[in-house]
Amino acid sequence: MLGFLIAFGVSLAAFAFSTSMPLSIALIIAVGAMHMSYNVSNNTMLQLSVPDQYRGRVLSTLFLNRGLVSLGAALAGTLAAVWGASIAVALMAMVMILTGIGLLIAVPSFRRLRV
């Protein structure tokens, strides 16, 4: 799961600075694939690790992220207005990469999780 998160960030950062249309198309496909892979593995691990009687409650909090998308979009828009779109996308990608690496280091039990 965290590998997909890091790969998502790396492919997004590469896309942010790509100046070639064919390369950009390949990278945005990679971004989408890594995003879907991360979400699928995250949801699967969560559902498999939560006891049946709590699954609905836990999943309802997981879907709160739908409401937080607008906060990320506002931040990305502000960063793009100040520093440009490429820098904004790259900064957001770096947050994903650092979050993934930080969790791998800070929470060793994440390394043992498997889907």
PDB file of N, CA and C in Angstrom:
ATOM      1  N   MET A   1       0.829  -1.182   0.000  1.00  0.00           N
ATOM      2  CA  MET A   1       0.000   0.000   0.000  1.00  0.00           C
ATOM      3  C   MET A   1       0.882   1.257   0.000  1.00  0.00           C
ATOM      4  N   LEU A   2       1.858   1.294   0.900  1.00  0.00           N
ATOM      5  CA  LEU A   2       2.720   2.471   0.951  1.00  0.00           C
ATOM      6  C   LEU A   2       3.629   2.544  -0.273  1.00  0.00           C
ATOM      7  N   GLY A   3       3.970   1.399  -0.832  1.00  0.00           N
ATOM      8  CA  GLY A   3       4.738   1.398  -2.086  1.00  0.00           C
ATOM      9  C   GLY A   3       3.954   2.063  -3.205  1.00  0.00           C
ATOM     10  N   PHE A   4       2.654   1.765  -3.268  1.00  0.00           N
ATOM     11  CA  PHE A   4       1.811   2.415  -4.274  1.00  0.00           C
ATOM     12  C   PHE A   4       1.713   3.921  -4.015  1.00  0.00           C
ATOM     13  N   LEU A   5       1.642   4.317  -2.739  1.00  0.00           N
ATOM     14  CA  LEU A   5       1.574   5.740  -2.397  1.00  0.00           C
ATOM     15  C   LEU A   5       2.846   6.449  -2.854  1.00  0.00           C
ATOM     16  N   ILE A   6       3.988   5.841  -2.575  1.00  0.00           N
ATOM     17  CA  ILE A   6       5.260   6.447  -2.974  1.00  0.00           C
ATOM     18  C   ILE A   6       5.377   6.484  -4.497  1.00  0.00           C
ATOM     19  N   ALA A   7       4.999   5.395  -5.171  1.00  0.00           N
ATOM     20  CA  ALA A   7       5.040   5.366  -6.637  1.00  0.00           C
ATOM     21  C   ALA A   7       4.075   6.389  -7.238  1.00  0.00           C
ATOM     22  N   PHE A   8       2.930   6.582  -6.603  1.00  0.00           N
ATOM     23  CA  PHE A   8       1.972   7.600  -7.020  1.00  0.00           C
ATOM     24  C   PHE A   8       2.632   8.974  -6.960  1.00  0.00           C
ATOM     25  N   GLY A   9       3.293   9.264  -5.846  1.00  0.00           N
ATOM     26  CA  GLY A   9       3.963  10.554  -5.705  1.00  0.00           C
ATOM     27  C   GLY A   9       5.098  10.741  -6.689  1.00  0.00           C
ATOM     28  N   VAL A  10       5.888   9.700  -6.892  1.00  0.00           N
ATOM     29  CA  VAL A  10       7.022   9.798  -7.829  1.00  0.00           C
ATOM     30  C   VAL A  10       6.525  10.029  -9.254  1.00  0.00           C
ATOM     31  N   SER A  11       5.512   9.272  -9.671  1.00  0.00           N
ATOM     32  CA  SER A  11       5.004   9.445 -11.040  1.00  0.00           C
ATOM     33  C   SER A  11       4.333  10.809 -11.200  1.00  0.00           C
ATOM     34  N   LEU A  12       3.688  11.306 -10.150  1.00  0.00           N
ATOM     35  CA  LEU A  12       3.070  12.630 -10.221  1.00  0.00           C
ATOM     36  C   LEU A  12       4.127  13.729 -10.285  1.00  0.00           C
ATOM     37  N   ALA A  13       5.204  13.584  -9.504  1.00  0.00           N
ATOM     38  CA  ALA A  13       6.286  14.573  -9.553  1.00  0.00           C
ATOM     39  C   ALA A  13       6.946  14.575 -10.928  1.00  0.00           C
ATOM     40  N   ALA A  14       7.146  13.392 -11.500  1.00  0.00           N
ATOM     41  CA  ALA A  14       7.732  13.318 -12.842  1.00  0.00           C
ATOM     42  C   ALA A  14       6.805  13.975 -13.864  1.00  0.00           C
ATOM     43  N   PHE A  15       5.508  13.757 -13.720  1.00  0.00           N
ATOM     44  CA  PHE A  15       4.535  14.375 -14.616  1.00  0.00           C
ATOM     45  C   PHE A  15       4.574  15.899 -14.495  1.00  0.00           C
ATOM     46  N   ALA A  16       4.751  16.380 -13.275  1.00  0.00           N
ATOM     47  CA  ALA A  16       4.742  17.831 -13.039  1.00  0.00           C
ATOM     48  C   ALA A  16       5.818  18.547 -13.857  1.00  0.00           C
ATOM     49  N   PHE A  17       6.935  17.890 -14.079  1.00  0.00           N
ATOM     50  CA  PHE A  17       8.038  18.548 -14.787  1.00  0.00           C
ATOM     51  C   PHE A  17       8.246  18.050 -16.209  1.00  0.00           C
ATOM     52  N   SER A  18       7.366  17.180 -16.681  1.00  0.00           N
ATOM     53  CA  SER A  18       7.491  16.659 -18.036  1.00  0.00           C
ATOM     54  C   SER A  18       7.143  17.731 -19.058  1.00  0.00           C
ATOM     55  N   THR A  19       7.949  17.810 -20.102  1.00  0.00           N
ATOM     56  CA  THR A  19       7.674  18.774 -21.181  1.00  0.00           C
ATOM     57  C   THR A  19       7.348  18.061 -22.497  1.00  0.00           C
ATOM     58  N   SER A  20       7.371  16.759 -22.484  1.00  0.00           N
ATOM     59  CA  SER A  20       7.097  15.964 -23.678  1.00  0.00           C
ATOM     60  C   SER A  20       5.673  15.408 -23.598  1.00  0.00           C
ATOM     61  N   MET A  21       4.886  15.611 -24.639  1.00  0.00           N
ATOM     62  CA  MET A  21       3.503  15.129 -24.637  1.00  0.00           C
ATOM     63  C   MET A  21       3.419  13.600 -24.522  1.00  0.00           C
ATOM     64  N   PRO A  22       4.164  12.830 -25.299  1.00  0.00           N
ATOM     65  CA  PRO A  22       4.067  11.371 -25.147  1.00  0.00           C
ATOM     66  C   PRO A  22       4.485  10.901 -23.744  1.00  0.00           C
ATOM     67  N   LEU A  23       5.545  11.496 -23.209  1.00  0.00           N
ATOM     68  CA  LEU A  23       5.973  11.141 -21.862  1.00  0.00           C
ATOM     69  C   LEU A  23       4.915  11.546 -20.834  1.00  0.00           C
ATOM     70  N   SER A  24       4.322  12.708 -21.002  1.00  0.00           N
ATOM     71  CA  SER A  24       3.279  13.165 -20.086  1.00  0.00           C
ATOM     72  C   SER A  24       2.077  12.230 -20.100  1.00  0.00           C
ATOM     73  N   ILE A  25       1.715  11.749 -21.279  1.00  0.00           N
ATOM     74  CA  ILE A  25       0.587  10.808 -21.386  1.00  0.00           C
ATOM     75  C   ILE A  25       0.913   9.512 -20.643  1.00  0.00           C
ATOM     76  N   ALA A  26       2.128   8.996 -20.857  1.00  0.00           N
ATOM     77  CA  ALA A  26       2.537   7.770 -20.159  1.00  0.00           C
ATOM     78  C   ALA A  26       2.573   7.992 -18.647  1.00  0.00           C
ATOM     79  N   LEU A  27       3.067   9.141 -18.221  1.00  0.00           N
ATOM     80  CA  LEU A  27       3.163   9.416 -16.791  1.00  0.00           C
ATOM     81  C   LEU A  27       1.796   9.599 -16.146  1.00  0.00           C
ATOM     82  N   ILE A  28       0.864  10.246 -16.838  1.00  0.00           N
ATOM     83  CA  ILE A  28      -0.455  10.443 -16.234  1.00  0.00           C
ATOM     84  C   ILE A  28      -1.208   9.117 -16.158  1.00  0.00           C
ATOM     85  N   ILE A  29      -0.933   8.205 -17.096  1.00  0.00           N
ATOM     86  CA  ILE A  29      -1.494   6.853 -16.992  1.00  0.00           C
ATOM     87  C   ILE A  29      -0.908   6.157 -15.766  1.00  0.00           C
ATOM     88  N   ALA A  30       0.399   6.307 -15.543  1.00  0.00           N
ATOM     89  CA  ALA A  30       1.042   5.731 -14.358  1.00  0.00           C
ATOM     90  C   ALA A  30       0.479   6.351 -13.077  1.00  0.00           C
ATOM     91  N   VAL A  31       0.249   7.653 -13.096  1.00  0.00           N
ATOM     92  CA  VAL A  31      -0.341   8.335 -11.928  1.00  0.00           C
ATOM     93  C   VAL A  31      -1.704   7.725 -11.612  1.00  0.00           C
ATOM     94  N   GLY A  32      -2.536   7.564 -12.617  1.00  0.00           N
ATOM     95  CA  GLY A  32      -3.865   6.987 -12.410  1.00  0.00           C
ATOM     96  C   GLY A  32      -3.803   5.558 -11.917  1.00  0.00           C
ATOM     97  N   ALA A  33      -2.892   4.776 -12.486  1.00  0.00           N
ATOM     98  CA  ALA A  33      -2.751   3.372 -12.064  1.00  0.00           C
ATOM     99  C   ALA A  33      -2.278   3.280 -10.619  1.00  0.00           C
ATOM    100  N   MET A  34      -1.321   4.106 -10.234  1.00  0.00           N
ATOM    101  CA  MET A  34      -0.819   4.082  -8.858  1.00  0.00           C
ATOM    102  C   MET A  34      -1.874   4.596  -7.875  1.00  0.00           C
ATOM    103  N   HIS A  35      -2.637   5.591  -8.290  1.00  0.00           N
ATOM    104  CA  HIS A  35      -3.705   6.110  -7.438  1.00  0.00           C
ATOM    105  C   HIS A  35      -4.759   5.040  -7.183  1.00  0.00           C
ATOM    106  N   MET A  36      -5.178   4.364  -8.249  1.00  0.00           N
ATOM    107  CA  MET A  36      -6.174   3.292  -8.092  1.00  0.00           C
ATOM    108  C   MET A  36      -5.613   2.146  -7.267  1.00  0.00           C
ATOM    109  N   SER A  37      -4.362   1.784  -7.505  1.00  0.00           N
ATOM    110  CA  SER A  37      -3.746   0.679  -6.759  1.00  0.00           C
ATOM    111  C   SER A  37      -3.640   1.010  -5.280  1.00  0.00           C
ATOM    112  N   TYR A  38      -3.261   2.244  -4.981  1.00  0.00           N
ATOM    113  CA  TYR A  38      -3.192   2.656  -3.572  1.00  0.00           C
ATOM    114  C   TYR A  38      -4.567   2.594  -2.921  1.00  0.00           C
ATOM    115  N   ASN A  39      -5.563   3.153  -3.580  1.00  0.00           N
ATOM    116  CA  ASN A  39      -6.914   3.158  -3.004  1.00  0.00           C
ATOM    117  C   ASN A  39      -7.459   1.748  -2.805  1.00  0.00           C
ATOM    118  N   VAL A  40      -7.262   0.882  -3.787  1.00  0.00           N
ATOM    119  CA  VAL A  40      -7.754  -0.494  -3.674  1.00  0.00           C
ATOM    120  C   VAL A  40      -7.063  -1.215  -2.524  1.00  0.00           C
ATOM    121  N   SER A  41      -5.737  -1.104  -2.449  1.00  0.00           N
ATOM    122  CA  SER A  41      -5.018  -1.795  -1.377  1.00  0.00           C
ATOM    123  C   SER A  41      -5.352  -1.203  -0.015  1.00  0.00           C
ATOM    124  N   ASN A  42      -5.525   0.098   0.068  1.00  0.00           N
ATOM    125  CA  ASN A  42      -5.900   0.753   1.327  1.00  0.00           C
ATOM    126  C   ASN A  42      -7.275   0.275   1.792  1.00  0.00           C
ATOM    127  N   ASN A  43      -8.242   0.305   0.902  1.00  0.00           N
ATOM    128  CA  ASN A  43      -9.596  -0.143   1.260  1.00  0.00           C
ATOM    129  C   ASN A  43      -9.629  -1.625   1.615  1.00  0.00           C
ATOM    130  N   THR A  44      -8.890  -2.439   0.864  1.00  0.00           N
ATOM    131  CA  THR A  44      -8.866  -3.877   1.132  1.00  0.00           C
ATOM    132  C   THR A  44      -8.244  -4.173   2.491  1.00  0.00           C
ATOM    133  N   MET A  45      -7.102  -3.568   2.770  1.00  0.00           N
ATOM    134  CA  MET A  45      -6.452  -3.792   4.062  1.00  0.00           C
ATOM    135  C   MET A  45      -7.332  -3.336   5.212  1.00  0.00           C
ATOM    136  N   LEU A  46      -7.972  -2.220   5.030  1.00  0.00           N
ATOM    137  CA  LEU A  46      -8.841  -1.711   6.085  1.00  0.00           C
ATOM    138  C   LEU A  46      -9.997  -2.672   6.341  1.00  0.00           C
ATOM    139  N   GLN A  47     -10.637  -3.132   5.293  1.00  0.00           N
ATOM    140  CA  GLN A  47     -11.780  -4.028   5.468  1.00  0.00           C
ATOM    141  C   GLN A  47     -11.376  -5.393   6.027  1.00  0.00           C
ATOM    142  N   LEU A  48     -10.191  -5.866   5.673  1.00  0.00           N
ATOM    143  CA  LEU A  48      -9.744  -7.159   6.171  1.00  0.00           C
ATOM    144  C   LEU A  48      -9.266  -7.098   7.625  1.00  0.00           C
ATOM    145  N   SER A  49      -8.815  -5.938   8.062  1.00  0.00           N
ATOM    146  CA  SER A  49      -8.254  -5.846   9.407  1.00  0.00           C
ATOM    147  C   SER A  49      -9.250  -5.373  10.461  1.00  0.00           C
ATOM    148  N   VAL A  50     -10.425  -4.914  10.056  1.00  0.00           N
ATOM    149  CA  VAL A  50     -11.418  -4.407  11.004  1.00  0.00           C
ATOM    150  C   VAL A  50     -12.415  -5.520  11.330  1.00  0.00           C
ATOM    151  N   PRO A  51     -12.725  -5.714  12.622  1.00  0.00           N
ATOM    152  CA  PRO A  51     -13.746  -6.718  12.970  1.00  0.00           C
ATOM    153  C   PRO A  51     -15.084  -6.402  12.301  1.00  0.00           C
ATOM    154  N   ASP A  52     -15.840  -7.458  11.991  1.00  0.00           N
ATOM    155  CA  ASP A  52     -17.101  -7.305  11.259  1.00  0.00           C
ATOM    156  C   ASP A  52     -18.044  -6.292  11.898  1.00  0.00           C
ATOM    157  N   GLN A  53     -18.149  -6.289  13.217  1.00  0.00           N
ATOM    158  CA  GLN A  53     -19.119  -5.422  13.878  1.00  0.00           C
ATOM    159  C   GLN A  53     -18.758  -3.934  13.782  1.00  0.00           C
ATOM    160  N   TYR A  54     -17.501  -3.615  13.411  1.00  0.00           N
ATOM    161  CA  TYR A  54     -17.092  -2.209  13.295  1.00  0.00           C
ATOM    162  C   TYR A  54     -16.866  -1.762  11.858  1.00  0.00           C
ATOM    163  N   ARG A  55     -16.971  -2.666  10.914  1.00  0.00           N
ATOM    164  CA  ARG A  55     -16.601  -2.361   9.534  1.00  0.00           C
ATOM    165  C   ARG A  55     -17.368  -1.176   8.959  1.00  0.00           C
ATOM    166  N   GLY A  56     -18.669  -1.127   9.145  1.00  0.00           N
ATOM    167  CA  GLY A  56     -19.467  -0.020   8.611  1.00  0.00           C
ATOM    168  C   GLY A  56     -19.069   1.315   9.193  1.00  0.00           C
ATOM    169  N   ARG A  57     -18.812   1.345  10.481  1.00  0.00           N
ATOM    170  CA  ARG A  57     -18.412   2.602  11.137  1.00  0.00           C
ATOM    171  C   ARG A  57     -17.055   3.078  10.645  1.00  0.00           C
ATOM    172  N   VAL A  58     -16.136   2.133  10.522  1.00  0.00           N
ATOM    173  CA  VAL A  58     -14.794   2.492  10.075  1.00  0.00           C
ATOM    174  C   VAL A  58     -14.830   2.964   8.624  1.00  0.00           C
ATOM    175  N   LEU A  59     -15.565   2.274   7.780  1.00  0.00           N
ATOM    176  CA  LEU A  59     -15.642   2.685   6.377  1.00  0.00           C
ATOM    177  C   LEU A  59     -16.330   4.035   6.212  1.00  0.00           C
ATOM    178  N   SER A  60     -17.276   4.337   7.076  1.00  0.00           N
ATOM    179  CA  SER A  60     -17.922   5.653   6.974  1.00  0.00           C
ATOM    180  C   SER A  60     -16.921   6.765   7.252  1.00  0.00           C
ATOM    181  N   THR A  61     -15.980   6.546   8.165  1.00  0.00           N
ATOM    182  CA  THR A  61     -14.962   7.570   8.397  1.00  0.00           C
ATOM    183  C   THR A  61     -13.967   7.619   7.239  1.00  0.00           C
ATOM    184  N   LEU A  62     -13.718   6.470   6.598  1.00  0.00           N
ATOM    185  CA  LEU A  62     -12.835   6.457   5.433  1.00  0.00           C
ATOM    186  C   LEU A  62     -13.397   7.347   4.328  1.00  0.00           C
ATOM    187  N   PHE A  63     -14.703   7.318   4.143  1.00  0.00           N
ATOM    188  CA  PHE A  63     -15.311   8.093   3.064  1.00  0.00           C
ATOM    189  C   PHE A  63     -15.456   9.579   3.389  1.00  0.00           C
ATOM    190  N   LEU A  64     -15.022   9.991   4.568  1.00  0.00           N
ATOM    191  CA  LEU A  64     -14.960  11.419   4.867  1.00  0.00           C
ATOM    192  C   LEU A  64     -13.935  12.124   3.976  1.00  0.00           C
ATOM    193  N   ASN A  65     -12.982  11.349   3.446  1.00  0.00           N
ATOM    194  CA  ASN A  65     -11.976  11.966   2.586  1.00  0.00           C
ATOM    195  C   ASN A  65     -12.585  12.604   1.343  1.00  0.00           C
ATOM    196  N   ARG A  66     -13.772  12.175   0.960  1.00  0.00           N
ATOM    197  CA  ARG A  66     -14.437  12.791  -0.196  1.00  0.00           C
ATOM    198  C   ARG A  66     -14.680  14.284   0.057  1.00  0.00           C
ATOM    199  N   GLY A  67     -15.002  14.623   1.278  1.00  0.00           N
ATOM    200  CA  GLY A  67     -15.227  16.021   1.622  1.00  0.00           C
ATOM    201  C   GLY A  67     -13.937  16.811   1.747  1.00  0.00           C
ATOM    202  N   LEU A  68     -12.826  16.122   1.988  1.00  0.00           N
ATOM    203  CA  LEU A  68     -11.552  16.809   2.151  1.00  0.00           C
ATOM    204  C   LEU A  68     -10.869  17.107   0.826  1.00  0.00           C
ATOM    205  N   VAL A  69     -11.374  16.544  -0.258  1.00  0.00           N
ATOM    206  CA  VAL A  69     -10.791  16.793  -1.579  1.00  0.00           C
ATOM    207  C   VAL A  69     -10.802  18.283  -1.896  1.00  0.00           C
ATOM    208  N   SER A  70     -11.866  18.975  -1.525  1.00  0.00           N
ATOM    209  CA  SER A  70     -11.952  20.408  -1.824  1.00  0.00           C
ATOM    210  C   SER A  70     -10.879  21.203  -1.078  1.00  0.00           C
ATOM    211  N   LEU A  71     -10.488  20.762   0.114  1.00  0.00           N
ATOM    212  CA  LEU A  71      -9.404  21.444   0.834  1.00  0.00           C
ATOM    213  C   LEU A  71      -8.079  21.288   0.085  1.00  0.00           C
ATOM    214  N   GLY A  72      -7.810  20.079  -0.387  1.00  0.00           N
ATOM    215  CA  GLY A  72      -6.597  19.848  -1.161  1.00  0.00           C
ATOM    216  C   GLY A  72      -6.604  20.629  -2.466  1.00  0.00           C
ATOM    217  N   ALA A  73      -7.760  20.710  -3.094  1.00  0.00           N
ATOM    218  CA  ALA A  73      -7.878  21.463  -4.349  1.00  0.00           C
ATOM    219  C   ALA A  73      -7.655  22.955  -4.096  1.00  0.00           C
ATOM    220  N   ALA A  74      -8.176  23.456  -2.985  1.00  0.00           N
ATOM    221  CA  ALA A  74      -7.964  24.874  -2.650  1.00  0.00           C
ATOM    222  C   ALA A  74      -6.484  25.154  -2.389  1.00  0.00           C
ATOM    223  N   LEU A  75      -5.833  24.254  -1.673  1.00  0.00           N
ATOM    224  CA  LEU A  75      -4.398  24.410  -1.417  1.00  0.00           C
ATOM    225  C   LEU A  75      -3.610  24.341  -2.721  1.00  0.00           C
ATOM    226  N   ALA A  76      -3.922  23.376  -3.564  1.00  0.00           N
ATOM    227  CA  ALA A  76      -3.226  23.244  -4.842  1.00  0.00           C
ATOM    228  C   ALA A  76      -3.447  24.471  -5.716  1.00  0.00           C
ATOM    229  N   GLY A  77      -4.657  24.983  -5.728  1.00  0.00           N
ATOM    230  CA  GLY A  77      -4.949  26.190  -6.502  1.00  0.00           C
ATOM    231  C   GLY A  77      -4.186  27.401  -5.995  1.00  0.00           C
ATOM    232  N   THR A  78      -4.096  27.520  -4.686  1.00  0.00           N
ATOM    233  CA  THR A  78      -3.349  28.636  -4.098  1.00  0.00           C
ATOM    234  C   THR A  78      -1.869  28.525  -4.427  1.00  0.00           C
ATOM    235  N   LEU A  79      -1.315  27.316  -4.265  1.00  0.00           N
ATOM    236  CA  LEU A  79       0.096  27.113  -4.606  1.00  0.00           C
ATOM    237  C   LEU A  79       0.352  27.382  -6.086  1.00  0.00           C
ATOM    238  N   ALA A  80      -0.563  26.953  -6.941  1.00  0.00           N
ATOM    239  CA  ALA A  80      -0.403  27.176  -8.383  1.00  0.00           C
ATOM    240  C   ALA A  80      -0.451  28.662  -8.713  1.00  0.00           C
ATOM    241  N   ALA A  81      -1.302  29.410  -8.022  1.00  0.00           N
ATOM    242  CA  ALA A  81      -1.387  30.849  -8.272  1.00  0.00           C
ATOM    243  C   ALA A  81      -0.114  31.564  -7.832  1.00  0.00           C
ATOM    244  N   VAL A  82       0.504  31.072  -6.775  1.00  0.00           N
ATOM    245  CA  VAL A  82       1.696  31.717  -6.239  1.00  0.00           C
ATOM    246  C   VAL A  82       2.961  31.277  -6.982  1.00  0.00           C
ATOM    247  N   TRP A  83       3.145  29.962  -7.181  1.00  0.00           N
ATOM    248  CA  TRP A  83       4.391  29.446  -7.729  1.00  0.00           C
ATOM    249  C   TRP A  83       4.258  28.777  -9.091  1.00  0.00           C
ATOM    250  N   GLY A  84       3.070  28.585  -9.583  1.00  0.00           N
ATOM    251  CA  GLY A  84       2.867  27.915 -10.866  1.00  0.00           C
ATOM    252  C   GLY A  84       2.371  26.491 -10.676  1.00  0.00           C
ATOM    253  N   ALA A  85       1.720  25.989 -11.697  1.00  0.00           N
ATOM    254  CA  ALA A  85       1.077  24.677 -11.612  1.00  0.00           C
ATOM    255  C   ALA A  85       2.079  23.540 -11.427  1.00  0.00           C
ATOM    256  N   SER A  86       3.193  23.576 -12.144  1.00  0.00           N
ATOM    257  CA  SER A  86       4.180  22.498 -12.038  1.00  0.00           C
ATOM    258  C   SER A  86       4.734  22.392 -10.622  1.00  0.00           C
ATOM    259  N   ILE A  87       5.064  23.520 -10.035  1.00  0.00           N
ATOM    260  CA  ILE A  87       5.595  23.518  -8.670  1.00  0.00           C
ATOM    261  C   ILE A  87       4.530  23.046  -7.692  1.00  0.00           C
ATOM    262  N   ALA A  88       3.295  23.489  -7.880  1.00  0.00           N
ATOM    263  CA  ALA A  88       2.211  23.074  -6.984  1.00  0.00           C
ATOM    264  C   ALA A  88       2.007  21.567  -7.030  1.00  0.00           C
ATOM    265  N   VAL A  89       1.964  20.997  -8.234  1.00  0.00           N
ATOM    266  CA  VAL A  89       1.773  19.553  -8.374  1.00  0.00           C
ATOM    267  C   VAL A  89       2.969  18.811  -7.779  1.00  0.00           C
ATOM    268  N   ALA A  90       4.178  19.304  -8.029  1.00  0.00           N
ATOM    269  CA  ALA A  90       5.377  18.662  -7.494  1.00  0.00           C
ATOM    270  C   ALA A  90       5.398  18.715  -5.963  1.00  0.00           C
ATOM    271  N   LEU A  91       4.987  19.836  -5.382  1.00  0.00           N
ATOM    272  CA  LEU A  91       4.941  19.943  -3.915  1.00  0.00           C
ATOM    273  C   LEU A  91       3.937  18.968  -3.317  1.00  0.00           C
ATOM    274  N   MET A  92       2.773  18.867  -3.938  1.00  0.00           N
ATOM    275  CA  MET A  92       1.767  17.924  -3.445  1.00  0.00           C
ATOM    276  C   MET A  92       2.287  16.482  -3.591  1.00  0.00           C
ATOM    277  N   ALA A  93       3.003  16.204  -4.675  1.00  0.00           N
ATOM    278  CA  ALA A  93       3.585  14.875  -4.873  1.00  0.00           C
ATOM    279  C   ALA A  93       4.639  14.592  -3.808  1.00  0.00           C
ATOM    280  N   MET A  94       5.441  15.591  -3.473  1.00  0.00           N
ATOM    281  CA  MET A  94       6.471  15.411  -2.440  1.00  0.00           C
ATOM    282  C   MET A  94       5.842  15.105  -1.087  1.00  0.00           C
ATOM    283  N   VAL A  95       4.703  15.706  -0.805  1.00  0.00           N
ATOM    284  CA  VAL A  95       3.999  15.395   0.445  1.00  0.00           C
ATOM    285  C   VAL A  95       3.611  13.919   0.474  1.00  0.00           C
ATOM    286  N   MET A  96       3.128  13.398  -0.646  1.00  0.00           N
ATOM    287  CA  MET A  96       2.772  11.974  -0.717  1.00  0.00           C
ATOM    288  C   MET A  96       3.998  11.093  -0.517  1.00  0.00           C
ATOM    289  N   ILE A  97       5.087  11.430  -1.186  1.00  0.00           N
ATOM    290  CA  ILE A  97       6.309  10.630  -1.082  1.00  0.00           C
ATOM    291  C   ILE A  97       6.821  10.644   0.355  1.00  0.00           C
ATOM    292  N   LEU A  98       6.905  11.818   0.956  1.00  0.00           N
ATOM    293  CA  LEU A  98       7.405  11.930   2.327  1.00  0.00           C
ATOM    294  C   LEU A  98       6.477  11.260   3.328  1.00  0.00           C
ATOM    295  N   THR A  99       5.171  11.320   3.086  1.00  0.00           N
ATOM    296  CA  THR A  99       4.219  10.628   3.964  1.00  0.00           C
ATOM    297  C   THR A  99       4.444   9.122   3.893  1.00  0.00           C
ATOM    298  N   GLY A 100       4.576   8.589   2.697  1.00  0.00           N
ATOM    299  CA  GLY A 100       4.807   7.152   2.532  1.00  0.00           C
ATOM    300  C   GLY A 100       6.100   6.709   3.184  1.00  0.00           C
ATOM    301  N   ILE A 101       7.184   7.436   2.942  1.00  0.00           N
ATOM    302  CA  ILE A 101       8.478   7.085   3.531  1.00  0.00           C
ATOM    303  C   ILE A 101       8.431   7.251   5.052  1.00  0.00           C
ATOM    304  N   GLY A 102       7.806   8.329   5.512  1.00  0.00           N
ATOM    305  CA  GLY A 102       7.691   8.558   6.952  1.00  0.00           C
ATOM    306  C   GLY A 102       6.929   7.455   7.653  1.00  0.00           C
ATOM    307  N   LEU A 103       5.838   6.997   7.043  1.00  0.00           N
ATOM    308  CA  LEU A 103       5.064   5.911   7.644  1.00  0.00           C
ATOM    309  C   LEU A 103       5.833   4.596   7.628  1.00  0.00           C
ATOM    310  N   LEU A 104       6.588   4.351   6.576  1.00  0.00           N
ATOM    311  CA  LEU A 104       7.412   3.132   6.534  1.00  0.00           C
ATOM    312  C   LEU A 104       8.442   3.126   7.660  1.00  0.00           C
ATOM    313  N   ILE A 105       8.994   4.292   7.949  1.00  0.00           N
ATOM    314  CA  ILE A 105      10.010   4.394   9.001  1.00  0.00           C
ATOM    315  C   ILE A 105       9.371   4.419  10.386  1.00  0.00           C
ATOM    316  N   ALA A 106       8.331   5.223  10.553  1.00  0.00           N
ATOM    317  CA  ALA A 106       7.740   5.436  11.882  1.00  0.00           C
ATOM    318  C   ALA A 106       6.850   4.291  12.350  1.00  0.00           C
ATOM    319  N   VAL A 107       6.240   3.570  11.405  1.00  0.00           N
ATOM    320  CA  VAL A 107       5.307   2.502  11.767  1.00  0.00           C
ATOM    321  C   VAL A 107       5.770   1.211  11.093  1.00  0.00           C
ATOM    322  N   PRO A 108       6.729   0.503  11.703  1.00  0.00           N
ATOM    323  CA  PRO A 108       7.275  -0.705  11.077  1.00  0.00           C
ATOM    324  C   PRO A 108       6.221  -1.781  10.799  1.00  0.00           C
ATOM    325  N   SER A 109       5.127  -1.790  11.561  1.00  0.00           N
ATOM    326  CA  SER A 109       4.104  -2.810  11.337  1.00  0.00           C
ATOM    327  C   SER A 109       3.460  -2.665   9.961  1.00  0.00           C
ATOM    328  N   PHE A 110       3.508  -1.492   9.343  1.00  0.00           N
ATOM    329  CA  PHE A 110       2.973  -1.309   8.001  1.00  0.00           C
ATOM    330  C   PHE A 110       3.709  -2.177   6.981  1.00  0.00           C
ATOM    331  N   ARG A 111       4.990  -2.450   7.229  1.00  0.00           N
ATOM    332  CA  ARG A 111       5.767  -3.244   6.290  1.00  0.00           C
ATOM    333  C   ARG A 111       5.297  -4.689   6.232  1.00  0.00           C
ATOM    334  N   ARG A 112       4.648  -5.161   7.294  1.00  0.00           N
ATOM    335  CA  ARG A 112       4.200  -6.546   7.337  1.00  0.00           C
ATOM    336  C   ARG A 112       2.782  -6.731   6.791  1.00  0.00           C
ATOM    337  N   LEU A 113       2.083  -5.644   6.519  1.00  0.00           N
ATOM    338  CA  LEU A 113       0.724  -5.752   6.002  1.00  0.00           C
ATOM    339  C   LEU A 113       0.756  -6.218   4.542  1.00  0.00           C
ATOM    340  N   ARG A 114      -0.118  -7.124   4.203  1.00  0.00           N
ATOM    341  CA  ARG A 114      -0.206  -7.627   2.829  1.00  0.00           C
ATOM    342  C   ARG A 114      -1.673  -7.717   2.424  1.00  0.00           C
ATOM    343  N   VAL A 115      -1.930  -7.438   1.152  1.00  0.00           N
ATOM    344  CA  VAL A 115      -3.294  -7.549   0.624  1.00  0.00           C
ATOM    345  C   VAL A 115      -3.443  -8.921   0.021  1.00  0.00           C
TER     346      VAL A 115
END
